[in-house]
Amino acid sequence: MEATNMEIQLRHVETDVLIPKMMRERAKERCVERVEAFNHCCKESGFLMAFKCREQNSALKECLTIHYRDPAFFEECKQQYIREKLEFERTGIPAKNRKQKLPASM
């Protein structure tokens, strides 16, 4: 019998490390314009990026912080993590490997 999301007990490393890591990755996807603007500024500025890219860095930090502090976003990432964990327990295949296509010769 498969456990429902309510029965899942998450370890501290999952709630304190793995889910926040997922949040960072997904927040960068949601703030893609600001990430690209900051990256472009850094590439153009070279060693002076600390001084020249303050505005882009502040905008990026603000966008990311909004997502990091959003309890609904945390819950969304937590539910996605639980789905991936249950799928891994069912199949034994990690999420990053599940997305790869199998060779046709198999």
PDB file of N, CA and C in Angstrom:
ATOM      1  N   MET A   1       0.845  -1.183   0.000  1.00  0.00           N
ATOM      2  CA  MET A   1       0.000   0.000   0.000  1.00  0.00           C
ATOM      3  C   MET A   1       0.889   1.245   0.000  1.00  0.00           C
ATOM      4  N   GLU A   2       0.609   2.178  -0.881  1.00  0.00           N
ATOM      5  CA  GLU A   2       1.430   3.368  -1.043  1.00  0.00           C
ATOM      6  C   GLU A   2       1.012   4.434  -0.038  1.00  0.00           C
ATOM      7  N   ALA A   3       1.994   5.126   0.539  1.00  0.00           N
ATOM      8  CA  ALA A   3       1.716   6.162   1.525  1.00  0.00           C
ATOM      9  C   ALA A   3       1.188   7.413   0.836  1.00  0.00           C
ATOM     10  N   THR A   4       0.258   8.089   1.465  1.00  0.00           N
ATOM     11  CA  THR A   4      -0.235   9.357   0.941  1.00  0.00           C
ATOM     12  C   THR A   4       0.683  10.474   1.416  1.00  0.00           C
ATOM     13  N   ASN A   5       0.510  11.667   0.867  1.00  0.00           N
ATOM     14  CA  ASN A   5       1.359  12.795   1.241  1.00  0.00           C
ATOM     15  C   ASN A   5       1.243  13.146   2.716  1.00  0.00           C
ATOM     16  N   MET A   6       0.099  12.880   3.334  1.00  0.00           N
ATOM     17  CA  MET A   6      -0.094  13.197   4.742  1.00  0.00           C
ATOM     18  C   MET A   6       0.716  12.268   5.641  1.00  0.00           C
ATOM     19  N   GLU A   7       0.988  11.067   5.210  1.00  0.00           N
ATOM     20  CA  GLU A   7       1.700  10.092   6.028  1.00  0.00           C
ATOM     21  C   GLU A   7       3.211  10.219   5.915  1.00  0.00           C
ATOM     22  N   ILE A   8       3.697  10.974   4.954  1.00  0.00           N
ATOM     23  CA  ILE A   8       5.133  11.103   4.727  1.00  0.00           C
ATOM     24  C   ILE A   8       5.761  11.920   5.853  1.00  0.00           C
ATOM     25  N   GLN A   9       6.759  11.335   6.483  1.00  0.00           N
ATOM     26  CA  GLN A   9       7.540  12.053   7.483  1.00  0.00           C
ATOM     27  C   GLN A   9       8.870  12.429   6.841  1.00  0.00           C
ATOM     28  N   LEU A  10       9.134  13.714   6.753  1.00  0.00           N
ATOM     29  CA  LEU A  10      10.365  14.177   6.133  1.00  0.00           C
ATOM     30  C   LEU A  10      11.451  14.332   7.191  1.00  0.00           C
ATOM     31  N   ARG A  11      12.665  13.957   6.802  1.00  0.00           N
ATOM     32  CA  ARG A  11      13.814  14.124   7.691  1.00  0.00           C
ATOM     33  C   ARG A  11      14.225  15.590   7.700  1.00  0.00           C
ATOM     34  N   HIS A  12      15.025  15.963   8.704  1.00  0.00           N
ATOM     35  CA  HIS A  12      15.472  17.356   8.803  1.00  0.00           C
ATOM     36  C   HIS A  12      16.291  17.765   7.586  1.00  0.00           C
ATOM     37  N   VAL A  13      17.118  16.860   7.077  1.00  0.00           N
ATOM     38  CA  VAL A  13      17.925  17.192   5.904  1.00  0.00           C
ATOM     39  C   VAL A  13      17.032  17.478   4.700  1.00  0.00           C
ATOM     40  N   GLU A  14      15.896  16.841   4.632  1.00  0.00           N
ATOM     41  CA  GLU A  14      14.980  17.085   3.513  1.00  0.00           C
ATOM     42  C   GLU A  14      14.326  18.452   3.634  1.00  0.00           C
ATOM     43  N   THR A  15      13.843  18.781   4.830  1.00  0.00           N
ATOM     44  CA  THR A  15      13.159  20.068   5.000  1.00  0.00           C
ATOM     45  C   THR A  15      14.125  21.244   5.071  1.00  0.00           C
ATOM     46  N   ASP A  16      15.341  21.009   5.568  1.00  0.00           N
ATOM     47  CA  ASP A  16      16.288  22.108   5.759  1.00  0.00           C
ATOM     48  C   ASP A  16      17.285  22.271   4.621  1.00  0.00           C
ATOM     49  N   VAL A  17      17.498  21.222   3.807  1.00  0.00           N
ATOM     50  CA  VAL A  17      18.509  21.297   2.758  1.00  0.00           C
ATOM     51  C   VAL A  17      17.921  21.007   1.379  1.00  0.00           C
ATOM     52  N   LEU A  18      17.299  19.848   1.218  1.00  0.00           N
ATOM     53  CA  LEU A  18      16.872  19.409  -0.111  1.00  0.00           C
ATOM     54  C   LEU A  18      15.713  20.224  -0.678  1.00  0.00           C
ATOM     55  N   ILE A  19      14.710  20.492   0.138  1.00  0.00           N
ATOM     56  CA  ILE A  19      13.575  21.293  -0.351  1.00  0.00           C
ATOM     57  C   ILE A  19      14.009  22.737  -0.621  1.00  0.00           C
ATOM     58  N   PRO A  20      14.791  23.383   0.275  1.00  0.00           N
ATOM     59  CA  PRO A  20      15.286  24.724  -0.069  1.00  0.00           C
ATOM     60  C   PRO A  20      16.152  24.751  -1.331  1.00  0.00           C
ATOM     61  N   LYS A  21      16.911  23.677  -1.586  1.00  0.00           N
ATOM     62  CA  LYS A  21      17.695  23.606  -2.825  1.00  0.00           C
ATOM     63  C   LYS A  21      16.762  23.606  -4.027  1.00  0.00           C
ATOM     64  N   MET A  22      15.672  22.837  -3.931  1.00  0.00           N
ATOM     65  CA  MET A  22      14.681  22.810  -5.003  1.00  0.00           C
ATOM     66  C   MET A  22      14.047  24.190  -5.160  1.00  0.00           C
ATOM     67  N   MET A  23      13.797  24.863  -4.042  1.00  0.00           N
ATOM     68  CA  MET A  23      13.214  26.206  -4.090  1.00  0.00           C
ATOM     69  C   MET A  23      14.150  27.167  -4.819  1.00  0.00           C
ATOM     70  N   ARG A  24      15.464  27.096  -4.536  1.00  0.00           N
ATOM     71  CA  ARG A  24      16.422  27.972  -5.208  1.00  0.00           C
ATOM     72  C   ARG A  24      16.410  27.748  -6.715  1.00  0.00           C
ATOM     73  N   GLU A  25      16.413  26.480  -7.112  1.00  0.00           N
ATOM     74  CA  GLU A  25      16.417  26.161  -8.541  1.00  0.00           C
ATOM     75  C   GLU A  25      15.151  26.668  -9.227  1.00  0.00           C
ATOM     76  N   ARG A  26      14.005  26.444  -8.591  1.00  0.00           N
ATOM     77  CA  ARG A  26      12.744  26.872  -9.191  1.00  0.00           C
ATOM     78  C   ARG A  26      12.588  28.387  -9.149  1.00  0.00           C
ATOM     79  N   ALA A  27      13.111  29.037  -8.097  1.00  0.00           N
ATOM     80  CA  ALA A  27      13.034  30.499  -8.013  1.00  0.00           C
ATOM     81  C   ALA A  27      13.857  31.136  -9.129  1.00  0.00           C
ATOM     82  N   LYS A  28      15.011  30.537  -9.445  1.00  0.00           N
ATOM     83  CA  LYS A  28      15.827  31.059 -10.551  1.00  0.00           C
ATOM     84  C   LYS A  28      15.081  30.950 -11.875  1.00  0.00           C
ATOM     85  N   GLU A  29      14.280  29.894 -12.031  1.00  0.00           N
ATOM     86  CA  GLU A  29      13.468  29.757 -13.248  1.00  0.00           C
ATOM     87  C   GLU A  29      12.399  30.834 -13.312  1.00  0.00           C
ATOM     88  N   ARG A  30      11.847  31.196 -12.161  1.00  0.00           N
ATOM     89  CA  ARG A  30      10.797  32.222 -12.125  1.00  0.00           C
ATOM     90  C   ARG A  30      11.360  33.633 -12.266  1.00  0.00           C
ATOM     91  N   CYS A  31      12.639  33.819 -11.933  1.00  0.00           N
ATOM     92  CA  CYS A  31      13.283  35.131 -12.032  1.00  0.00           C
ATOM     93  C   CYS A  31      14.272  35.155 -13.191  1.00  0.00           C
ATOM     94  N   VAL A  32      13.958  34.454 -14.240  1.00  0.00           N
ATOM     95  CA  VAL A  32      14.912  34.246 -15.340  1.00  0.00           C
ATOM     96  C   VAL A  32      15.382  35.551 -15.974  1.00  0.00           C
ATOM     97  N   GLU A  33      14.523  36.548 -16.102  1.00  0.00           N
ATOM     98  CA  GLU A  33      14.935  37.805 -16.719  1.00  0.00           C
ATOM     99  C   GLU A  33      16.000  38.497 -15.875  1.00  0.00           C
ATOM    100  N   ARG A  34      15.806  38.495 -14.572  1.00  0.00           N
ATOM    101  CA  ARG A  34      16.770  39.157 -13.686  1.00  0.00           C
ATOM    102  C   ARG A  34      18.075  38.377 -13.614  1.00  0.00           C
ATOM    103  N   VAL A  35      17.996  37.051 -13.655  1.00  0.00           N
ATOM    104  CA  VAL A  35      19.208  36.223 -13.676  1.00  0.00           C
ATOM    105  C   VAL A  35      20.009  36.527 -14.939  1.00  0.00           C
ATOM    106  N   GLU A  36      19.331  36.577 -16.076  1.00  0.00           N
ATOM    107  CA  GLU A  36      20.016  36.864 -17.344  1.00  0.00           C
ATOM    108  C   GLU A  36      20.619  38.268 -17.354  1.00  0.00           C
ATOM    109  N   ALA A  37      19.892  39.232 -16.805  1.00  0.00           N
ATOM    110  CA  ALA A  37      20.407  40.607 -16.757  1.00  0.00           C
ATOM    111  C   ALA A  37      21.659  40.680 -15.890  1.00  0.00           C
ATOM    112  N   PHE A  38      21.641  39.999 -14.749  1.00  0.00           N
ATOM    113  CA  PHE A  38      22.805  40.001 -13.859  1.00  0.00           C
ATOM    114  C   PHE A  38      23.986  39.286 -14.515  1.00  0.00           C
ATOM    115  N   ASN A  39      23.736  38.145 -15.133  1.00  0.00           N
ATOM    116  CA  ASN A  39      24.808  37.407 -15.812  1.00  0.00           C
ATOM    117  C   ASN A  39      25.425  38.237 -16.939  1.00  0.00           C
ATOM    118  N   HIS A  40      24.571  38.888 -17.719  1.00  0.00           N
ATOM    119  CA  HIS A  40      25.056  39.721 -18.824  1.00  0.00           C
ATOM    120  C   HIS A  40      25.921  40.859 -18.282  1.00  0.00           C
ATOM    121  N   CYS A  41      25.458  41.500 -17.225  1.00  0.00           N
ATOM    122  CA  CYS A  41      26.214  42.603 -16.629  1.00  0.00           C
ATOM    123  C   CYS A  41      27.568  42.108 -16.130  1.00  0.00           C
ATOM    124  N   CYS A  42      27.588  40.955 -15.477  1.00  0.00           N
ATOM    125  CA  CYS A  42      28.847  40.416 -14.950  1.00  0.00           C
ATOM    126  C   CYS A  42      29.829  40.094 -16.075  1.00  0.00           C
ATOM    127  N   LYS A  43      29.320  39.532 -17.159  1.00  0.00           N
ATOM    128  CA  LYS A  43      30.194  39.198 -18.288  1.00  0.00           C
ATOM    129  C   LYS A  43      30.769  40.445 -18.936  1.00  0.00           C
ATOM    130  N   GLU A  44      29.973  41.509 -19.002  1.00  0.00           N
ATOM    131  CA  GLU A  44      30.418  42.749 -19.628  1.00  0.00           C
ATOM    132  C   GLU A  44      31.369  43.536 -18.729  1.00  0.00           C
ATOM    133  N   SER A  45      31.223  43.412 -17.411  1.00  0.00           N
ATOM    134  CA  SER A  45      31.971  44.249 -16.475  1.00  0.00           C
ATOM    135  C   SER A  45      33.313  43.668 -16.053  1.00  0.00           C
ATOM    136  N   GLY A  46      33.454  42.363 -16.117  1.00  0.00           N
ATOM    137  CA  GLY A  46      34.714  41.751 -15.701  1.00  0.00           C
ATOM    138  C   GLY A  46      34.963  41.928 -14.212  1.00  0.00           C
ATOM    139  N   PHE A  47      36.152  42.434 -13.859  1.00  0.00           N
ATOM    140  CA  PHE A  47      36.525  42.565 -12.447  1.00  0.00           C
ATOM    141  C   PHE A  47      35.745  43.664 -11.725  1.00  0.00           C
ATOM    142  N   LEU A  48      35.153  44.573 -12.457  1.00  0.00           N
ATOM    143  CA  LEU A  48      34.414  45.676 -11.833  1.00  0.00           C
ATOM    144  C   LEU A  48      32.946  45.330 -11.587  1.00  0.00           C
ATOM    145  N   MET A  49      32.590  44.068 -11.734  1.00  0.00           N
ATOM    146  CA  MET A  49      31.177  43.695 -11.621  1.00  0.00           C
ATOM    147  C   MET A  49      30.597  44.005 -10.246  1.00  0.00           C
ATOM    148  N   ALA A  50      31.405  43.959  -9.196  1.00  0.00           N
ATOM    149  CA  ALA A  50      30.899  44.246  -7.854  1.00  0.00           C
ATOM    150  C   ALA A  50      30.348  45.668  -7.758  1.00  0.00           C
ATOM    151  N   PHE A  51      30.929  46.565  -8.524  1.00  0.00           N
ATOM    152  CA  PHE A  51      30.487  47.958  -8.490  1.00  0.00           C
ATOM    153  C   PHE A  51      29.457  48.266  -9.572  1.00  0.00           C
ATOM    154  N   LYS A  52      29.648  47.724 -10.752  1.00  0.00           N
ATOM    155  CA  LYS A  52      28.790  48.062 -11.881  1.00  0.00           C
ATOM    156  C   LYS A  52      27.448  47.327 -11.891  1.00  0.00           C
ATOM    157  N   CYS A  53      27.368  46.189 -11.235  1.00  0.00           N
ATOM    158  CA  CYS A  53      26.153  45.363 -11.324  1.00  0.00           C
ATOM    159  C   CYS A  53      25.325  45.374 -10.040  1.00  0.00           C
ATOM    160  N   ARG A  54      25.495  46.378  -9.225  1.00  0.00           N
ATOM    161  CA  ARG A  54      24.743  46.438  -7.963  1.00  0.00           C
ATOM    162  C   ARG A  54      23.235  46.469  -8.197  1.00  0.00           C
ATOM    163  N   GLU A  55      22.822  47.244  -9.178  1.00  0.00           N
ATOM    164  CA  GLU A  55      21.382  47.376  -9.450  1.00  0.00           C
ATOM    165  C   GLU A  55      20.780  46.035  -9.883  1.00  0.00           C
ATOM    166  N   GLN A  56      21.444  45.336 -10.795  1.00  0.00           N
ATOM    167  CA  GLN A  56      20.953  44.032 -11.264  1.00  0.00           C
ATOM    168  C   GLN A  56      20.990  42.999 -10.135  1.00  0.00           C
ATOM    169  N   ASN A  57      22.047  43.071  -9.309  1.00  0.00           N
ATOM    170  CA  ASN A  57      22.159  42.142  -8.192  1.00  0.00           C
ATOM    171  C   ASN A  57      21.041  42.369  -7.180  1.00  0.00           C
ATOM    172  N   SER A  58      20.741  43.619  -6.898  1.00  0.00           N
ATOM    173  CA  SER A  58      19.657  43.938  -5.954  1.00  0.00           C
ATOM    174  C   SER A  58      18.313  43.456  -6.480  1.00  0.00           C
ATOM    175  N   ALA A  59      18.063  43.650  -7.765  1.00  0.00           N
ATOM    176  CA  ALA A  59      16.801  43.205  -8.367  1.00  0.00           C
ATOM    177  C   ALA A  59      16.692  41.688  -8.316  1.00  0.00           C
ATOM    178  N   LEU A  60      17.799  40.996  -8.579  1.00  0.00           N
ATOM    179  CA  LEU A  60      17.806  39.536  -8.525  1.00  0.00           C
ATOM    180  C   LEU A  60      17.560  39.046  -7.109  1.00  0.00           C
ATOM    181  N   LYS A  61      18.253  39.623  -6.141  1.00  0.00           N
ATOM    182  CA  LYS A  61      18.072  39.226  -4.741  1.00  0.00           C
ATOM    183  C   LYS A  61      16.632  39.449  -4.292  1.00  0.00           C
ATOM    184  N   GLU A  62      16.053  40.563  -4.680  1.00  0.00           N
ATOM    185  CA  GLU A  62      14.674  40.886  -4.291  1.00  0.00           C
ATOM    186  C   GLU A  62      13.704  39.851  -4.857  1.00  0.00           C
ATOM    187  N   CYS A  63      13.869  39.505  -6.119  1.00  0.00           N
ATOM    188  CA  CYS A  63      12.991  38.518  -6.756  1.00  0.00           C
ATOM    189  C   CYS A  63      13.130  37.157  -6.083  1.00  0.00           C
ATOM    190  N   LEU A  64      14.367  36.725  -5.846  1.00  0.00           N
ATOM    191  CA  LEU A  64      14.598  35.420  -5.215  1.00  0.00           C
ATOM    192  C   LEU A  64      14.063  35.393  -3.790  1.00  0.00           C
ATOM    193  N   THR A  65      14.266  36.477  -3.033  1.00  0.00           N
ATOM    194  CA  THR A  65      13.815  36.542  -1.646  1.00  0.00           C
ATOM    195  C   THR A  65      12.303  36.458  -1.548  1.00  0.00           C
ATOM    196  N   ILE A  66      11.605  37.054  -2.492  1.00  0.00           N
ATOM    197  CA  ILE A  66      10.139  36.975  -2.503  1.00  0.00           C
ATOM    198  C   ILE A  66       9.702  35.513  -2.561  1.00  0.00           C
ATOM    199  N   HIS A  67      10.357  34.735  -3.409  1.00  0.00           N
ATOM    200  CA  HIS A  67       9.997  33.322  -3.538  1.00  0.00           C
ATOM    201  C   HIS A  67      10.444  32.513  -2.326  1.00  0.00           C
ATOM    202  N   TYR A  68      11.634  32.803  -1.786  1.00  0.00           N
ATOM    203  CA  TYR A  68      12.135  32.054  -0.639  1.00  0.00           C
ATOM    204  C   TYR A  68      11.234  32.209   0.582  1.00  0.00           C
ATOM    205  N   ARG A  69      10.639  33.374   0.734  1.00  0.00           N
ATOM    206  CA  ARG A  69       9.822  33.657   1.924  1.00  0.00           C
ATOM    207  C   ARG A  69       8.346  33.313   1.741  1.00  0.00           C
ATOM    208  N   ASP A  70       7.970  32.865   0.570  1.00  0.00           N
ATOM    209  CA  ASP A  70       6.569  32.554   0.278  1.00  0.00           C
ATOM    210  C   ASP A  70       6.223  31.153   0.791  1.00  0.00           C
ATOM    211  N   PRO A  71       5.353  31.054   1.815  1.00  0.00           N
ATOM    212  CA  PRO A  71       5.009  29.731   2.358  1.00  0.00           C
ATOM    213  C   PRO A  71       4.286  28.844   1.339  1.00  0.00           C
ATOM    214  N   ALA A  72       3.531  29.437   0.440  1.00  0.00           N
ATOM    215  CA  ALA A  72       2.836  28.654  -0.589  1.00  0.00           C
ATOM    216  C   ALA A  72       3.849  28.041  -1.557  1.00  0.00           C
ATOM    217  N   PHE A  73       4.909  28.791  -1.879  1.00  0.00           N
ATOM    218  CA  PHE A  73       5.954  28.284  -2.762  1.00  0.00           C
ATOM    219  C   PHE A  73       6.711  27.146  -2.083  1.00  0.00           C
ATOM    220  N   PHE A  74       6.978  27.295  -0.769  1.00  0.00           N
ATOM    221  CA  PHE A  74       7.629  26.218  -0.018  1.00  0.00           C
ATOM    222  C   PHE A  74       6.770  24.963  -0.058  1.00  0.00           C
ATOM    223  N   GLU A  75       5.485  25.116   0.160  1.00  0.00           N
ATOM    224  CA  GLU A  75       4.575  23.966   0.166  1.00  0.00           C
ATOM    225  C   GLU A  75       4.511  23.316  -1.219  1.00  0.00           C
ATOM    226  N   GLU A  76       4.508  24.135  -2.260  1.00  0.00           N
ATOM    227  CA  GLU A  76       4.503  23.622  -3.634  1.00  0.00           C
ATOM    228  C   GLU A  76       5.760  22.785  -3.907  1.00  0.00           C
ATOM    229  N   CYS A  77       6.916  23.310  -3.487  1.00  0.00           N
ATOM    230  CA  CYS A  77       8.174  22.578  -3.674  1.00  0.00           C
ATOM    231  C   CYS A  77       8.207  21.322  -2.802  1.00  0.00           C
ATOM    232  N   LYS A  78       7.653  21.414  -1.611  1.00  0.00           N
ATOM    233  CA  LYS A  78       7.595  20.251  -0.716  1.00  0.00           C
ATOM    234  C   LYS A  78       6.753  19.139  -1.341  1.00  0.00           C
ATOM    235  N   GLN A  79       5.617  19.498  -1.906  1.00  0.00           N
ATOM    236  CA  GLN A  79       4.761  18.490  -2.547  1.00  0.00           C
ATOM    237  C   GLN A  79       5.449  17.875  -3.761  1.00  0.00           C
ATOM    238  N   GLN A  80       6.175  18.694  -4.536  1.00  0.00           N
ATOM    239  CA  GLN A  80       6.916  18.165  -5.676  1.00  0.00           C
ATOM    240  C   GLN A  80       8.006  17.219  -5.189  1.00  0.00           C
ATOM    241  N   TYR A  81       8.699  17.584  -4.111  1.00  0.00           N
ATOM    242  CA  TYR A  81       9.738  16.721  -3.555  1.00  0.00           C
ATOM    243  C   TYR A  81       9.145  15.383  -3.109  1.00  0.00           C
ATOM    244  N   ILE A  82       7.989  15.427  -2.457  1.00  0.00           N
ATOM    245  CA  ILE A  82       7.340  14.197  -1.982  1.00  0.00           C
ATOM    246  C   ILE A  82       6.946  13.318  -3.160  1.00  0.00           C
ATOM    247  N   ARG A  83       6.415  13.935  -4.229  1.00  0.00           N
ATOM    248  CA  ARG A  83       6.063  13.148  -5.419  1.00  0.00           C
ATOM    249  C   ARG A  83       7.288  12.471  -6.010  1.00  0.00           C
ATOM    250  N   GLU A  84       8.397  13.214  -6.106  1.00  0.00           N
ATOM    251  CA  GLU A  84       9.622  12.640  -6.647  1.00  0.00           C
ATOM    252  C   GLU A  84      10.169  11.543  -5.734  1.00  0.00           C
ATOM    253  N   LYS A  85      10.055  11.740  -4.432  1.00  0.00           N
ATOM    254  CA  LYS A  85      10.525  10.735  -3.471  1.00  0.00           C
ATOM    255  C   LYS A  85       9.705   9.452  -3.582  1.00  0.00           C
ATOM    256  N   LEU A  86       8.398   9.587  -3.673  1.00  0.00           N
ATOM    257  CA  LEU A  86       7.536   8.416  -3.812  1.00  0.00           C
ATOM    258  C   LEU A  86       7.796   7.689  -5.125  1.00  0.00           C
ATOM    259  N   GLU A  87       8.024   8.443  -6.191  1.00  0.00           N
ATOM    260  CA  GLU A  87       8.317   7.839  -7.490  1.00  0.00           C
ATOM    261  C   GLU A  87       9.652   7.093  -7.438  1.00  0.00           C
ATOM    262  N   PHE A  88      10.635   7.673  -6.749  1.00  0.00           N
ATOM    263  CA  PHE A  88      11.922   7.001  -6.605  1.00  0.00           C
ATOM    264  C   PHE A  88      11.767   5.700  -5.809  1.00  0.00           C
ATOM    265  N   GLU A  89      10.983   5.752  -4.726  1.00  0.00           N
ATOM    266  CA  GLU A  89      10.761   4.542  -3.930  1.00  0.00           C
ATOM    267  C   GLU A  89      10.045   3.470  -4.736  1.00  0.00           C
ATOM    268  N   ARG A  90       9.179   3.904  -5.641  1.00  0.00           N
ATOM    269  CA  ARG A  90       8.427   2.955  -6.461  1.00  0.00           C
ATOM    270  C   ARG A  90       9.296   2.351  -7.563  1.00  0.00           C
ATOM    271  N   THR A  91      10.102   3.192  -8.228  1.00  0.00           N
ATOM    272  CA  THR A  91      10.847   2.728  -9.401  1.00  0.00           C
ATOM    273  C   THR A  91      12.324   2.465  -9.134  1.00  0.00           C
ATOM    274  N   GLY A  92      12.909   3.162  -8.166  1.00  0.00           N
ATOM    275  CA  GLY A  92      14.336   3.056  -7.926  1.00  0.00           C
ATOM    276  C   GLY A  92      15.172   3.913  -8.858  1.00  0.00           C
ATOM    277  N   ILE A  93      14.516   4.720  -9.684  1.00  0.00           N
ATOM    278  CA  ILE A  93      15.213   5.585 -10.648  1.00  0.00           C
ATOM    279  C   ILE A  93      15.109   7.034 -10.159  1.00  0.00           C
ATOM    280  N   PRO A  94      16.263   7.731  -9.969  1.00  0.00           N
ATOM    281  CA  PRO A  94      16.211   9.136  -9.550  1.00  0.00           C
ATOM    282  C   PRO A  94      15.518  10.007 -10.592  1.00  0.00           C
ATOM    283  N   ALA A  95      14.960  11.128 -10.167  1.00  0.00           N
ATOM    284  CA  ALA A  95      14.201  12.023 -11.055  1.00  0.00           C
ATOM    285  C   ALA A  95      15.055  12.507 -12.219  1.00  0.00           C
ATOM    286  N   LYS A  96      16.325  12.837 -11.970  1.00  0.00           N
ATOM    287  CA  LYS A  96      17.166  13.356 -13.065  1.00  0.00           C
ATOM    288  C   LYS A  96      17.434  12.282 -14.113  1.00  0.00           C
ATOM    289  N   ASN A  97      17.469  11.017 -13.724  1.00  0.00           N
ATOM    290  CA  ASN A  97      17.677   9.936 -14.689  1.00  0.00           C
ATOM    291  C   ASN A  97      16.388   9.512 -15.372  1.00  0.00           C
ATOM    292  N   ARG A  98      15.262   9.756 -14.741  1.00  0.00           N
ATOM    293  CA  ARG A  98      13.963   9.385 -15.310  1.00  0.00           C
ATOM    294  C   ARG A  98      13.663  10.179 -16.558  1.00  0.00           C
ATOM    295  N   LYS A  99      14.192  11.367 -16.662  1.00  0.00           N
ATOM    296  CA  LYS A  99      13.894  12.242 -17.792  1.00  0.00           C
ATOM    297  C   LYS A  99      14.686  11.857 -19.035  1.00  0.00           C
ATOM    298  N   GLN A 100      15.736  11.041 -18.867  1.00  0.00           N
ATOM    299  CA  GLN A 100      16.525  10.609 -20.007  1.00  0.00           C
ATOM    300  C   GLN A 100      15.799   9.505 -20.752  1.00  0.00           C
ATOM    301  N   LYS A 101      15.921   9.516 -22.059  1.00  0.00           N
ATOM    302  CA  LYS A 101      15.278   8.487 -22.870  1.00  0.00           C
ATOM    303  C   LYS A 101      16.140   7.235 -22.881  1.00  0.00           C
ATOM    304  N   LEU A 102      15.484   6.092 -22.898  1.00  0.00           N
ATOM    305  CA  LEU A 102      16.190   4.836 -23.000  1.00  0.00           C
ATOM    306  C   LEU A 102      16.585   4.582 -24.460  1.00  0.00           C
ATOM    307  N   PRO A 103      17.712   3.908 -24.692  1.00  0.00           N
ATOM    308  CA  PRO A 103      18.088   3.595 -26.073  1.00  0.00           C
ATOM    309  C   PRO A 103      17.065   2.671 -26.720  1.00  0.00           C
ATOM    310  N   ALA A 104      16.889   2.800 -28.019  1.00  0.00           N
ATOM    311  CA  ALA A 104      15.902   2.021 -28.741  1.00  0.00           C
ATOM    312  C   ALA A 104      16.306   0.544 -28.819  1.00  0.00           C
ATOM    313  N   SER A 105      17.566   0.235 -28.603  1.00  0.00           N
ATOM    314  CA  SER A 105      18.026  -1.144 -28.736  1.00  0.00           C
ATOM    315  C   SER A 105      17.617  -2.019 -27.560  1.00  0.00           C
ATOM    316  N   MET A 106      17.092  -1.438 -26.504  1.00  0.00           N
ATOM    317  CA  MET A 106      16.725  -2.223 -25.330  1.00  0.00           C
ATOM    318  C   MET A 106      15.487  -2.958 -25.620  1.00  0.00           C
TER     319      MET A 106
END
